[in-house]
Amino acid sequence: MNVARSGYTASILANGKVLVAGSYTGGSCSNSAELYDSSTGTWTFTGSFSVARGIHAASVLTNGNVLIIGGTINGGTASTNSVEVYNPSTGTWSSTGNMNALRYGPTVSILANGNVLVAGGYGSSSYLTSAELYNPSTSTWTYTGNMNTARVYHTASVLVNGKILVAGGISNGQCILTIELYDPSTGTWASTGYMNTARYGPTASVLANGKVLVTGGTDCAGNYFNSAELYNPSTGTWSYTGNMNVARGGHAASVLANGNVLVTGGSNGTASASSAELYNSSAGTWTIIANMNVARNGHTASVLANGKVLVNGGYSGSTYLSSAEFY
C-alpha cells in the first residue's frame, strides 16, 4: 500500500478491486483511500474523504457504492457521526446524511432490502445500545429498536433467514456473553442465549451450512483465547468446536471457496503473530499452515475473485505496516 494502516476498512468492489480507506495509527487518523488492482498488482490513491477517521465501518451498497460511517477522529479523542459514500465509477467521495449518533467501533450489516443496519459502538461518552438504519434511496438515517445490551468491538452476522446476529463485545469494563437477534421485519432485538465464553474483538464467519463460527478474542482480564464456538440458528444454541492452535485477538478470518475458514495473524497480548491456520468446517478441526511473511494484527483479509486472499496492513508489534501478501 502507499500508506501504512491499522484500524481501517477494506471493501471488495463489483469490479474486483479492493478499496482500502482511512486508518488509526499511533494517535493519528487518515482520510486517504487507495485501490488494489489484482490484474496489475498495484495500489493507486483514489480520492480522500472529508473527515479523517479510523475504527470506522464500511459496507458495499447494492448499487456498488461504498458507505463509510462513523469512527474516531481528532487523533482518537472523539467520535463522529459523519458518513461518506465512495463512487467507484468516478473515484470520488461525497458526504451523505449524518447518523443520529456519534459512534466508533460499531457493526454494519446490509439487509435484504438494501438498507444498512448500524448497531452499537462508543459515542461521545458512553457505550451504545442504539441502532439505526440507512436508506440509500433517500440518504437518510432513522433509529430502529435498541439492542438490549450496550456494546463495542462486537460482531454482527447476516443469517440465512435475514436476521442479524450480534455477539460479544465489551461495555463499561465488562465483557459480554449475551447475544441478540435483530428482526428486520419488526425492527426489534431479542436476546437469544449466551456464548460459552465472554469475548470482545473476535471474528465471526457465516459457514456454508448457515452456522456462525466465532474465533478467538480477548476477555476483560487481558487473556487471549484460542477457543472457537459455533452458533446454530436452527436451535439458537452455541457449542464449542475445535480450538485454534494459537490464541489470538485482532486477527482476520476469511471464508474460502471450499468452505474452510482461514485465520491469519493477530496478537496474544505480548507479540503479533505471523501464524495462520485453517478450520475444516466438516471436521471441526484446525490445521496450522505456512506462516505469513510478516507478523501483523489489526490487518484485513479480502477474498479475491481468483480465490486468493489479500492480507495487508496492520501492526507488527513495533511498526504500522503498508505491506501486503497473498495466500
C-alpha atoms as a PDB file:
ATOM      1  CA  MET A   1       0.000   0.000   0.000  1.00  0.00           C
ATOM      2  CA  ASN A   2       1.031   3.618  -0.320  1.00  0.00           C
ATOM      3  CA  VAL A   3       0.170   4.275   3.345  1.00  0.00           C
ATOM      4  CA  ALA A   4       0.747   2.162   6.458  1.00  0.00           C
ATOM      5  CA  ARG A   5      -2.652   1.474   8.033  1.00  0.00           C
ATOM      6  CA  SER A   6      -4.388  -0.078  11.004  1.00  0.00           C
ATOM      7  CA  GLY A   7      -7.973   0.424  12.148  1.00  0.00           C
ATOM      8  CA  TYR A   8      -9.047   0.846   8.523  1.00  0.00           C
ATOM      9  CA  THR A   9     -11.613  -0.842   6.268  1.00  0.00           C
ATOM     10  CA  ALA A  10     -11.240  -2.989   3.149  1.00  0.00           C
ATOM     11  CA  SER A  11     -14.135  -3.430   0.710  1.00  0.00           C
ATOM     12  CA  ILE A  12     -14.306  -5.623  -2.399  1.00  0.00           C
ATOM     13  CA  LEU A  13     -15.886  -3.706  -5.286  1.00  0.00           C
ATOM     14  CA  ALA A  14     -18.038  -5.133  -8.074  1.00  0.00           C
ATOM     15  CA  ASN A  15     -15.111  -4.742 -10.487  1.00  0.00           C
ATOM     16  CA  GLY A  16     -12.958  -6.939  -8.244  1.00  0.00           C
ATOM     17  CA  LYS A  17     -10.727  -4.161  -6.957  1.00  0.00           C
ATOM     18  CA  VAL A  18     -10.214  -3.701  -3.207  1.00  0.00           C
ATOM     19  CA  LEU A  19     -10.901  -0.296  -1.660  1.00  0.00           C
ATOM     20  CA  VAL A  20      -8.881   0.448   1.479  1.00  0.00           C
ATOM     21  CA  ALA A  21      -9.953   3.548   3.402  1.00  0.00           C
ATOM     22  CA  GLY A  22      -8.955   5.517   6.484  1.00  0.00           C
ATOM     23  CA  SER A  23      -6.701   4.484   9.350  1.00  0.00           C
ATOM     24  CA  TYR A  24      -5.940   4.968  13.026  1.00  0.00           C
ATOM     25  CA  THR A  25      -2.225   4.626  13.702  1.00  0.00           C
ATOM     26  CA  GLY A  26      -0.387   5.863  16.771  1.00  0.00           C
ATOM     27  CA  GLY A  27      -2.869   8.613  17.584  1.00  0.00           C
ATOM     28  CA  SER A  28      -3.248   9.777  14.000  1.00  0.00           C
ATOM     29  CA  CYS A  29      -6.256   9.344  11.709  1.00  0.00           C
ATOM     30  CA  SER A  30      -6.159   9.296   7.905  1.00  0.00           C
ATOM     31  CA  ASN A  31      -8.592  10.440   5.214  1.00  0.00           C
ATOM     32  CA  SER A  32      -6.766   8.712   2.357  1.00  0.00           C
ATOM     33  CA  ALA A  33      -8.076   5.807   0.316  1.00  0.00           C
ATOM     34  CA  GLU A  34      -6.496   3.533  -2.240  1.00  0.00           C
ATOM     35  CA  LEU A  35      -7.424   0.757  -4.651  1.00  0.00           C
ATOM     36  CA  TYR A  36      -5.723  -2.582  -5.184  1.00  0.00           C
ATOM     37  CA  ASP A  37      -5.946  -3.923  -8.727  1.00  0.00           C
ATOM     38  CA  SER A  38      -5.244  -7.668  -8.755  1.00  0.00           C
ATOM     39  CA  SER A  39      -4.716  -7.659 -12.525  1.00  0.00           C
ATOM     40  CA  THR A  40      -1.686  -5.386 -12.195  1.00  0.00           C
ATOM     41  CA  GLY A  41      -0.745  -5.996  -8.555  1.00  0.00           C
ATOM     42  CA  THR A  42      -0.655  -2.257  -7.915  1.00  0.00           C
ATOM     43  CA  TRP A  43      -2.106   0.230  -5.434  1.00  0.00           C
ATOM     44  CA  THR A  44      -3.332   3.673  -6.506  1.00  0.00           C
ATOM     45  CA  PHE A  45      -4.752   6.520  -4.441  1.00  0.00           C
ATOM     46  CA  THR A  46      -8.436   7.239  -5.098  1.00  0.00           C
ATOM     47  CA  GLY A  47      -9.675  10.475  -3.599  1.00  0.00           C
ATOM     48  CA  SER A  48      -9.841  11.409   0.053  1.00  0.00           C
ATOM     49  CA  PHE A  49     -12.833  11.706   2.315  1.00  0.00           C
ATOM     50  CA  SER A  50     -13.548  14.936   4.120  1.00  0.00           C
ATOM     51  CA  VAL A  51     -13.187  13.594   7.674  1.00  0.00           C
ATOM     52  CA  ALA A  52     -10.013  11.724   8.657  1.00  0.00           C
ATOM     53  CA  ARG A  53     -11.103   8.667  10.638  1.00  0.00           C
ATOM     54  CA  GLY A  54     -10.206   5.225  11.949  1.00  0.00           C
ATOM     55  CA  ILE A  55     -12.034   2.353  13.700  1.00  0.00           C
ATOM     56  CA  HIS A  56     -14.976   3.145  11.437  1.00  0.00           C
ATOM     57  CA  ALA A  57     -17.131   0.738   9.427  1.00  0.00           C
ATOM     58  CA  ALA A  58     -17.752   0.224   5.717  1.00  0.00           C
ATOM     59  CA  SER A  59     -20.312  -1.595   3.593  1.00  0.00           C
ATOM     60  CA  VAL A  60     -20.774  -2.124  -0.134  1.00  0.00           C
ATOM     61  CA  LEU A  61     -24.259  -0.970  -1.113  1.00  0.00           C
ATOM     62  CA  THR A  62     -26.430  -2.790  -3.635  1.00  0.00           C
ATOM     63  CA  ASN A  63     -25.689  -0.064  -6.211  1.00  0.00           C
ATOM     64  CA  GLY A  64     -21.955  -0.773  -5.882  1.00  0.00           C
ATOM     65  CA  ASN A  65     -21.079   2.368  -3.940  1.00  0.00           C
ATOM     66  CA  VAL A  66     -19.238   2.080  -0.605  1.00  0.00           C
ATOM     67  CA  LEU A  67     -20.650   3.607   2.571  1.00  0.00           C
ATOM     68  CA  ILE A  68     -18.162   4.744   5.254  1.00  0.00           C
ATOM     69  CA  ILE A  69     -19.671   5.507   8.667  1.00  0.00           C
ATOM     70  CA  GLY A  70     -18.507   6.939  11.977  1.00  0.00           C
ATOM     71  CA  GLY A  71     -15.153   6.202  13.538  1.00  0.00           C
ATOM     72  CA  THR A  72     -12.766   8.016  15.792  1.00  0.00           C
ATOM     73  CA  ILE A  73     -11.370  11.411  14.761  1.00  0.00           C
ATOM     74  CA  ASN A  74      -9.032  14.126  16.037  1.00  0.00           C
ATOM     75  CA  GLY A  75      -6.280  11.631  16.763  1.00  0.00           C
ATOM     76  CA  GLY A  76      -8.633   9.277  18.565  1.00  0.00           C
ATOM     77  CA  THR A  77     -10.012  11.821  21.045  1.00  0.00           C
ATOM     78  CA  ALA A  78     -13.575  11.962  19.694  1.00  0.00           C
ATOM     79  CA  SER A  79     -16.225  10.028  17.786  1.00  0.00           C
ATOM     80  CA  THR A  80     -18.037  11.206  14.667  1.00  0.00           C
ATOM     81  CA  ASN A  81     -21.478  10.677  13.143  1.00  0.00           C
ATOM     82  CA  SER A  82     -20.367  11.756   9.679  1.00  0.00           C
ATOM     83  CA  VAL A  83     -20.972   9.466   6.711  1.00  0.00           C
ATOM     84  CA  GLU A  84     -19.423   9.445   3.240  1.00  0.00           C
ATOM     85  CA  VAL A  85     -20.010   7.491   0.043  1.00  0.00           C
ATOM     86  CA  TYR A  86     -17.424   6.345  -2.497  1.00  0.00           C
ATOM     87  CA  ASN A  87     -18.472   6.100  -6.141  1.00  0.00           C
ATOM     88  CA  PRO A  88     -16.256   3.557  -7.973  1.00  0.00           C
ATOM     89  CA  SER A  89     -17.317   4.912 -11.366  1.00  0.00           C
ATOM     90  CA  THR A  90     -15.866   8.354 -10.654  1.00  0.00           C
ATOM     91  CA  GLY A  91     -13.353   7.518  -7.916  1.00  0.00           C
ATOM     92  CA  THR A  92     -14.772  10.291  -5.763  1.00  0.00           C
ATOM     93  CA  TRP A  93     -16.165  10.688  -2.250  1.00  0.00           C
ATOM     94  CA  SER A  94     -19.247  12.659  -1.217  1.00  0.00           C
ATOM     95  CA  SER A  95     -20.818  13.361   2.156  1.00  0.00           C
ATOM     96  CA  THR A  96     -24.274  11.956   2.814  1.00  0.00           C
ATOM     97  CA  GLY A  97     -26.720  12.233   5.700  1.00  0.00           C
ATOM     98  CA  ASN A  98     -25.164  12.039   9.164  1.00  0.00           C
ATOM     99  CA  MET A  99     -26.066   9.270  11.571  1.00  0.00           C
ATOM    100  CA  ASN A 100     -28.181  10.275  14.547  1.00  0.00           C
ATOM    101  CA  ALA A 101     -25.481   9.114  16.991  1.00  0.00           C
ATOM    102  CA  LEU A 102     -21.731   9.608  17.219  1.00  0.00           C
ATOM    103  CA  ARG A 103     -20.129   6.174  17.192  1.00  0.00           C
ATOM    104  CA  TYR A 104     -16.854   4.348  16.671  1.00  0.00           C
ATOM    105  CA  GLY A 105     -16.372   0.580  16.660  1.00  0.00           C
ATOM    106  CA  PRO A 106     -19.952  -0.211  15.594  1.00  0.00           C
ATOM    107  CA  THR A 107     -21.008  -3.048  13.303  1.00  0.00           C
ATOM    108  CA  VAL A 108     -22.615  -2.552   9.910  1.00  0.00           C
ATOM    109  CA  SER A 109     -24.821  -5.036   8.023  1.00  0.00           C
ATOM    110  CA  ILE A 110     -26.591  -4.940   4.650  1.00  0.00           C
ATOM    111  CA  LEU A 111     -30.221  -6.063   4.943  1.00  0.00           C
ATOM    112  CA  ALA A 112     -32.171  -7.948   2.273  1.00  0.00           C
ATOM    113  CA  ASN A 113     -33.999  -4.748   1.240  1.00  0.00           C
ATOM    114  CA  GLY A 114     -30.696  -2.919   0.675  1.00  0.00           C
ATOM    115  CA  ASN A 115     -30.893  -0.776   3.799  1.00  0.00           C
ATOM    116  CA  VAL A 116     -27.895  -0.661   6.141  1.00  0.00           C
ATOM    117  CA  LEU A 117     -28.117  -1.531   9.847  1.00  0.00           C
ATOM    118  CA  VAL A 118     -25.553   0.097  12.142  1.00  0.00           C
ATOM    119  CA  ALA A 119     -25.502  -1.142  15.732  1.00  0.00           C
ATOM    120  CA  GLY A 120     -23.712  -0.203  18.933  1.00  0.00           C
ATOM    121  CA  GLY A 121     -20.267   1.298  19.261  1.00  0.00           C
ATOM    122  CA  TYR A 122     -18.965   4.021  21.542  1.00  0.00           C
ATOM    123  CA  GLY A 123     -20.462   7.505  21.425  1.00  0.00           C
ATOM    124  CA  SER A 124     -19.329  10.775  22.942  1.00  0.00           C
ATOM    125  CA  SER A 125     -19.007   9.407  26.476  1.00  0.00           C
ATOM    126  CA  SER A 126     -20.758   6.046  26.702  1.00  0.00           C
ATOM    127  CA  TYR A 127     -21.274   2.642  25.136  1.00  0.00           C
ATOM    128  CA  LEU A 128     -24.325   2.484  22.900  1.00  0.00           C
ATOM    129  CA  THR A 129     -27.405   0.284  22.723  1.00  0.00           C
ATOM    130  CA  SER A 130     -28.818   2.297  19.851  1.00  0.00           C
ATOM    131  CA  ALA A 131     -29.111   1.071  16.276  1.00  0.00           C
ATOM    132  CA  GLU A 132     -30.129   2.919  13.146  1.00  0.00           C
ATOM    133  CA  LEU A 133     -30.970   2.272   9.518  1.00  0.00           C
ATOM    134  CA  TYR A 134     -29.596   3.992   6.418  1.00  0.00           C
ATOM    135  CA  ASN A 135     -31.817   4.210   3.368  1.00  0.00           C
ATOM    136  CA  PRO A 136     -29.594   4.568   0.269  1.00  0.00           C
ATOM    137  CA  SER A 137     -32.532   5.833  -1.801  1.00  0.00           C
ATOM    138  CA  THR A 138     -33.082   8.862   0.425  1.00  0.00           C
ATOM    139  CA  SER A 139     -29.634   9.139   2.088  1.00  0.00           C
ATOM    140  CA  THR A 140     -31.367   9.370   5.471  1.00  0.00           C
ATOM    141  CA  TRP A 141     -30.971   7.675   8.849  1.00  0.00           C
ATOM    142  CA  THR A 142     -33.735   6.549  11.207  1.00  0.00           C
ATOM    143  CA  TYR A 143     -33.452   4.945  14.606  1.00  0.00           C
ATOM    144  CA  THR A 144     -34.663   1.378  14.894  1.00  0.00           C
ATOM    145  CA  GLY A 145     -35.086  -0.708  18.064  1.00  0.00           C
ATOM    146  CA  ASN A 146     -32.328  -0.532  20.673  1.00  0.00           C
ATOM    147  CA  MET A 147     -30.199  -3.542  21.469  1.00  0.00           C
ATOM    148  CA  ASN A 148     -30.721  -4.976  24.941  1.00  0.00           C
ATOM    149  CA  THR A 149     -27.035  -4.564  25.802  1.00  0.00           C
ATOM    150  CA  ALA A 150     -24.677  -1.684  25.005  1.00  0.00           C
ATOM    151  CA  ARG A 151     -21.534  -2.959  23.283  1.00  0.00           C
ATOM    152  CA  VAL A 152     -18.490  -2.128  21.166  1.00  0.00           C
ATOM    153  CA  TYR A 153     -15.982  -4.429  19.418  1.00  0.00           C
ATOM    154  CA  HIS A 154     -18.726  -6.996  18.925  1.00  0.00           C
ATOM    155  CA  THR A 155     -19.560  -8.985  15.799  1.00  0.00           C
ATOM    156  CA  ALA A 156     -22.602  -8.880  13.513  1.00  0.00           C
ATOM    157  CA  SER A 157     -23.513 -11.682  11.090  1.00  0.00           C
ATOM    158  CA  VAL A 158     -26.275 -11.795   8.483  1.00  0.00           C
ATOM    159  CA  LEU A 159     -28.028 -15.159   8.867  1.00  0.00           C
ATOM    160  CA  VAL A 160     -29.636 -17.142   6.060  1.00  0.00           C
ATOM    161  CA  ASN A 161     -33.082 -16.126   7.359  1.00  0.00           C
ATOM    162  CA  GLY A 162     -32.174 -12.437   7.043  1.00  0.00           C
ATOM    163  CA  LYS A 163     -31.881 -11.761  10.761  1.00  0.00           C
ATOM    164  CA  ILE A 164     -28.729 -10.174  12.199  1.00  0.00           C
ATOM    165  CA  LEU A 165     -26.831 -11.996  14.959  1.00  0.00           C
ATOM    166  CA  VAL A 166     -24.857  -9.725  17.305  1.00  0.00           C
ATOM    167  CA  ALA A 167     -22.408 -11.425  19.651  1.00  0.00           C
ATOM    168  CA  GLY A 168     -19.858 -10.493  22.291  1.00  0.00           C
ATOM    169  CA  GLY A 169     -18.186  -7.142  22.747  1.00  0.00           C
ATOM    170  CA  ILE A 170     -17.316  -5.019  25.751  1.00  0.00           C
ATOM    171  CA  SER A 171     -19.310  -2.471  27.745  1.00  0.00           C
ATOM    172  CA  ASN A 172     -18.315  -0.455  30.810  1.00  0.00           C
ATOM    173  CA  GLY A 173     -15.356  -2.716  31.510  1.00  0.00           C
ATOM    174  CA  GLN A 174     -17.427  -5.890  31.266  1.00  0.00           C
ATOM    175  CA  CYS A 175     -17.042  -8.497  28.550  1.00  0.00           C
ATOM    176  CA  ILE A 176     -20.341  -9.683  27.161  1.00  0.00           C
ATOM    177  CA  LEU A 177     -21.692 -13.243  26.956  1.00  0.00           C
ATOM    178  CA  THR A 178     -25.109 -12.307  25.673  1.00  0.00           C
ATOM    179  CA  ILE A 179     -26.166 -12.452  22.062  1.00  0.00           C
ATOM    180  CA  GLU A 180     -29.148 -10.941  20.348  1.00  0.00           C
ATOM    181  CA  LEU A 181     -31.007 -11.124  17.073  1.00  0.00           C
ATOM    182  CA  TYR A 182     -32.346  -8.223  15.036  1.00  0.00           C
ATOM    183  CA  ASP A 183     -35.513  -8.929  13.060  1.00  0.00           C
ATOM    184  CA  PRO A 184     -35.739  -6.526  10.075  1.00  0.00           C
ATOM    185  CA  SER A 185     -39.449  -7.245   9.661  1.00  0.00           C
ATOM    186  CA  THR A 186     -40.267  -5.852  13.128  1.00  0.00           C
ATOM    187  CA  GLY A 187     -37.275  -3.613  13.812  1.00  0.00           C
ATOM    188  CA  THR A 188     -36.757  -5.260  17.199  1.00  0.00           C
ATOM    189  CA  TRP A 189     -33.998  -7.100  19.046  1.00  0.00           C
ATOM    190  CA  ALA A 190     -34.433 -10.321  21.019  1.00  0.00           C
ATOM    191  CA  SER A 191     -31.899 -11.795  23.441  1.00  0.00           C
ATOM    192  CA  THR A 192     -31.185 -15.388  22.486  1.00  0.00           C
ATOM    193  CA  GLY A 193     -28.896 -17.412  24.700  1.00  0.00           C
ATOM    194  CA  TYR A 194     -25.277 -16.962  25.639  1.00  0.00           C
ATOM    195  CA  MET A 195     -21.923 -17.740  24.137  1.00  0.00           C
ATOM    196  CA  ASN A 196     -19.811 -20.138  26.163  1.00  0.00           C
ATOM    197  CA  THR A 197     -17.035 -17.559  26.525  1.00  0.00           C
ATOM    198  CA  ALA A 198     -17.373 -13.806  27.010  1.00  0.00           C
ATOM    199  CA  ARG A 199     -15.088 -12.206  24.444  1.00  0.00           C
ATOM    200  CA  TYR A 200     -14.501  -8.973  22.609  1.00  0.00           C
ATOM    201  CA  GLY A 201     -12.674  -8.451  19.345  1.00  0.00           C
ATOM    202  CA  PRO A 202     -13.266 -11.969  17.987  1.00  0.00           C
ATOM    203  CA  THR A 203     -14.068 -12.790  14.374  1.00  0.00           C
ATOM    204  CA  ALA A 204     -17.389 -14.188  13.159  1.00  0.00           C
ATOM    205  CA  SER A 205     -17.799 -16.143   9.906  1.00  0.00           C
ATOM    206  CA  VAL A 206     -21.015 -17.457   8.373  1.00  0.00           C
ATOM    207  CA  LEU A 207     -20.366 -21.006   7.129  1.00  0.00           C
ATOM    208  CA  ALA A 208     -21.943 -22.703   4.117  1.00  0.00           C
ATOM    209  CA  ASN A 209     -24.252 -24.673   6.446  1.00  0.00           C
ATOM    210  CA  GLY A 210     -25.605 -21.433   7.922  1.00  0.00           C
ATOM    211  CA  LYS A 211     -23.850 -21.760  11.259  1.00  0.00           C
ATOM    212  CA  VAL A 212     -21.698 -18.919  12.606  1.00  0.00           C
ATOM    213  CA  LEU A 213     -18.102 -19.589  13.663  1.00  0.00           C
ATOM    214  CA  VAL A 214     -16.726 -17.231  16.331  1.00  0.00           C
ATOM    215  CA  THR A 215     -12.983 -17.409  16.993  1.00  0.00           C
ATOM    216  CA  GLY A 216     -10.503 -16.010  19.469  1.00  0.00           C
ATOM    217  CA  GLY A 217     -10.719 -12.573  21.034  1.00  0.00           C
ATOM    218  CA  THR A 218      -9.947 -11.272  24.489  1.00  0.00           C
ATOM    219  CA  ASP A 219     -11.543 -11.187  27.922  1.00  0.00           C
ATOM    220  CA  CYS A 220     -11.567  -8.245  30.301  1.00  0.00           C
ATOM    221  CA  ALA A 221      -8.658  -9.669  32.301  1.00  0.00           C
ATOM    222  CA  GLY A 222      -6.392  -9.466  29.261  1.00  0.00           C
ATOM    223  CA  ASN A 223      -6.484 -13.165  28.389  1.00  0.00           C
ATOM    224  CA  TYR A 224      -6.419 -14.118  24.717  1.00  0.00           C
ATOM    225  CA  PHE A 225      -8.376 -17.148  23.529  1.00  0.00           C
ATOM    226  CA  ASN A 226      -7.672 -19.996  21.169  1.00  0.00           C
ATOM    227  CA  SER A 227     -11.206 -21.303  21.638  1.00  0.00           C
ATOM    228  CA  ALA A 228     -13.851 -21.248  18.921  1.00  0.00           C
ATOM    229  CA  GLU A 229     -17.586 -21.844  19.052  1.00  0.00           C
ATOM    230  CA  LEU A 230     -20.480 -22.336  16.675  1.00  0.00           C
ATOM    231  CA  TYR A 231     -23.936 -20.764  16.717  1.00  0.00           C
ATOM    232  CA  ASN A 232     -26.715 -22.913  15.300  1.00  0.00           C
ATOM    233  CA  PRO A 233     -29.580 -20.715  14.047  1.00  0.00           C
ATOM    234  CA  SER A 234     -31.954 -23.706  13.979  1.00  0.00           C
ATOM    235  CA  THR A 235     -31.661 -24.265  17.735  1.00  0.00           C
ATOM    236  CA  GLY A 236     -30.410 -20.866  18.923  1.00  0.00           C
ATOM    237  CA  THR A 237     -27.591 -22.590  20.822  1.00  0.00           C
ATOM    238  CA  TRP A 238     -23.792 -22.352  20.997  1.00  0.00           C
ATOM    239  CA  SER A 239     -21.360 -25.250  21.127  1.00  0.00           C
ATOM    240  CA  TYR A 240     -17.581 -25.344  21.304  1.00  0.00           C
ATOM    241  CA  THR A 241     -15.748 -26.613  18.252  1.00  0.00           C
ATOM    242  CA  GLY A 242     -12.049 -27.419  17.934  1.00  0.00           C
ATOM    243  CA  ASN A 243      -9.580 -24.981  19.459  1.00  0.00           C
ATOM    244  CA  MET A 244      -7.237 -22.975  17.283  1.00  0.00           C
ATOM    245  CA  ASN A 245      -3.574 -23.867  17.699  1.00  0.00           C
ATOM    246  CA  VAL A 246      -2.738 -20.259  18.627  1.00  0.00           C
ATOM    247  CA  ALA A 247      -4.533 -17.862  20.982  1.00  0.00           C
ATOM    248  CA  ARG A 248      -5.214 -14.608  19.151  1.00  0.00           C
ATOM    249  CA  GLY A 249      -7.155 -11.370  19.046  1.00  0.00           C
ATOM    250  CA  GLY A 250      -7.023  -8.672  16.381  1.00  0.00           C
ATOM    251  CA  HIS A 251      -6.767 -11.408  13.763  1.00  0.00           C
ATOM    252  CA  ALA A 252      -8.670 -11.782  10.489  1.00  0.00           C
ATOM    253  CA  ALA A 253     -10.908 -14.605   9.277  1.00  0.00           C
ATOM    254  CA  SER A 254     -11.842 -15.422   5.668  1.00  0.00           C
ATOM    255  CA  VAL A 255     -14.316 -17.987   4.339  1.00  0.00           C
ATOM    256  CA  LEU A 256     -12.685 -19.721   1.370  1.00  0.00           C
ATOM    257  CA  ALA A 257     -14.429 -21.080  -1.718  1.00  0.00           C
ATOM    258  CA  ASN A 258     -14.130 -24.645  -0.386  1.00  0.00           C
ATOM    259  CA  GLY A 259     -15.966 -23.675   2.818  1.00  0.00           C
ATOM    260  CA  ASN A 260     -12.906 -23.723   5.053  1.00  0.00           C
ATOM    261  CA  VAL A 261     -12.017 -20.679   7.151  1.00  0.00           C
ATOM    262  CA  LEU A 262      -8.577 -19.070   7.033  1.00  0.00           C
ATOM    263  CA  VAL A 263      -7.439 -17.267  10.181  1.00  0.00           C
ATOM    264  CA  THR A 264      -4.376 -15.028   9.942  1.00  0.00           C
ATOM    265  CA  GLY A 265      -2.177 -13.164  12.386  1.00  0.00           C
ATOM    266  CA  GLY A 266      -3.420 -11.405  15.482  1.00  0.00           C
ATOM    267  CA  SER A 267      -1.825 -10.830  18.850  1.00  0.00           C
ATOM    268  CA  ASN A 268      -1.568 -12.783  22.098  1.00  0.00           C
ATOM    269  CA  GLY A 269      -1.161  -9.583  24.078  1.00  0.00           C
ATOM    270  CA  THR A 270       2.621  -9.814  24.004  1.00  0.00           C
ATOM    271  CA  ALA A 271       3.541 -10.111  20.348  1.00  0.00           C
ATOM    272  CA  SER A 272       1.967 -10.013  16.918  1.00  0.00           C
ATOM    273  CA  ALA A 273       1.669 -13.342  15.107  1.00  0.00           C
ATOM    274  CA  SER A 274       2.700 -14.426  11.633  1.00  0.00           C
ATOM    275  CA  SER A 275       0.947 -17.784  12.043  1.00  0.00           C
ATOM    276  CA  ALA A 276      -2.074 -18.847  10.035  1.00  0.00           C
ATOM    277  CA  GLU A 277      -4.428 -21.798  10.286  1.00  0.00           C
ATOM    278  CA  LEU A 278      -7.375 -23.379   8.510  1.00  0.00           C
ATOM    279  CA  TYR A 279     -10.677 -24.507  10.017  1.00  0.00           C
ATOM    280  CA  ASN A 280     -12.271 -27.526   8.387  1.00  0.00           C
ATOM    281  CA  SER A 281     -15.982 -26.932   8.821  1.00  0.00           C
ATOM    282  CA  SER A 282     -16.820 -30.568   8.090  1.00  0.00           C
ATOM    283  CA  ALA A 283     -14.470 -31.986  10.726  1.00  0.00           C
ATOM    284  CA  GLY A 284     -14.479 -29.084  13.197  1.00  0.00           C
ATOM    285  CA  THR A 285     -10.689 -29.095  13.354  1.00  0.00           C
ATOM    286  CA  TRP A 286      -7.862 -26.603  12.831  1.00  0.00           C
ATOM    287  CA  THR A 287      -4.610 -27.129  10.928  1.00  0.00           C
ATOM    288  CA  ILE A 288      -1.574 -24.856  11.079  1.00  0.00           C
ATOM    289  CA  ILE A 289      -0.349 -23.810   7.629  1.00  0.00           C
ATOM    290  CA  ALA A 290       2.668 -21.829   6.429  1.00  0.00           C
ATOM    291  CA  ASN A 291       3.365 -18.590   8.263  1.00  0.00           C
ATOM    292  CA  MET A 292       2.761 -15.214   6.688  1.00  0.00           C
ATOM    293  CA  ASN A 293       5.885 -13.313   5.699  1.00  0.00           C
ATOM    294  CA  VAL A 294       5.109 -10.560   8.234  1.00  0.00           C
ATOM    295  CA  ALA A 295       3.664 -10.753  11.745  1.00  0.00           C
ATOM    296  CA  ARG A 296       0.627  -8.497  11.958  1.00  0.00           C
ATOM    297  CA  ASN A 297      -2.547  -7.724  13.873  1.00  0.00           C
ATOM    298  CA  GLY A 298      -5.319  -5.249  13.148  1.00  0.00           C
ATOM    299  CA  HIS A 299      -4.999  -6.069   9.447  1.00  0.00           C
ATOM    300  CA  THR A 300      -7.634  -7.003   6.867  1.00  0.00           C
ATOM    301  CA  ALA A 301      -8.027 -10.083   4.680  1.00  0.00           C
ATOM    302  CA  SER A 302     -10.008  -9.962   1.422  1.00  0.00           C
ATOM    303  CA  VAL A 303     -11.020 -12.976  -0.673  1.00  0.00           C
ATOM    304  CA  LEU A 304     -10.466 -12.023  -4.312  1.00  0.00           C
ATOM    305  CA  ALA A 305     -12.380 -13.284  -7.342  1.00  0.00           C
ATOM    306  CA  ASN A 306      -9.481 -15.598  -8.235  1.00  0.00           C
ATOM    307  CA  GLY A 307      -9.763 -17.281  -4.817  1.00  0.00           C
ATOM    308  CA  LYS A 308      -6.583 -15.787  -3.411  1.00  0.00           C
ATOM    309  CA  VAL A 309      -6.695 -13.963  -0.064  1.00  0.00           C
ATOM    310  CA  LEU A 310      -5.133 -10.500   0.097  1.00  0.00           C
ATOM    311  CA  VAL A 311      -3.757  -9.703   3.575  1.00  0.00           C
ATOM    312  CA  ASN A 312      -2.453  -6.195   4.127  1.00  0.00           C
ATOM    313  CA  GLY A 313      -1.589  -3.547   6.684  1.00  0.00           C
ATOM    314  CA  GLY A 314      -1.914  -3.842  10.435  1.00  0.00           C
ATOM    315  CA  TYR A 315       0.629  -3.542  13.244  1.00  0.00           C
ATOM    316  CA  SER A 316       3.734  -5.695  13.649  1.00  0.00           C
ATOM    317  CA  GLY A 317       4.177  -5.009  17.343  1.00  0.00           C
ATOM    318  CA  SER A 318       6.701  -2.249  16.673  1.00  0.00           C
ATOM    319  CA  THR A 319       5.555  -0.526  13.491  1.00  0.00           C
ATOM    320  CA  TYR A 320       2.456   0.067  11.379  1.00  0.00           C
ATOM    321  CA  LEU A 321       2.539  -1.775   8.084  1.00  0.00           C
ATOM    322  CA  SER A 322       1.986  -0.912   4.433  1.00  0.00           C
ATOM    323  CA  SER A 323       2.964  -4.379   3.196  1.00  0.00           C
ATOM    324  CA  ALA A 324       0.579  -6.805   1.537  1.00  0.00           C
ATOM    325  CA  GLU A 325       0.753 -10.523   0.813  1.00  0.00           C
ATOM    326  CA  PHE A 326      -1.278 -13.322  -0.754  1.00  0.00           C
ATOM    327  CA  TYR A 327      -2.428 -16.691   0.468  1.00  0.00           C
END
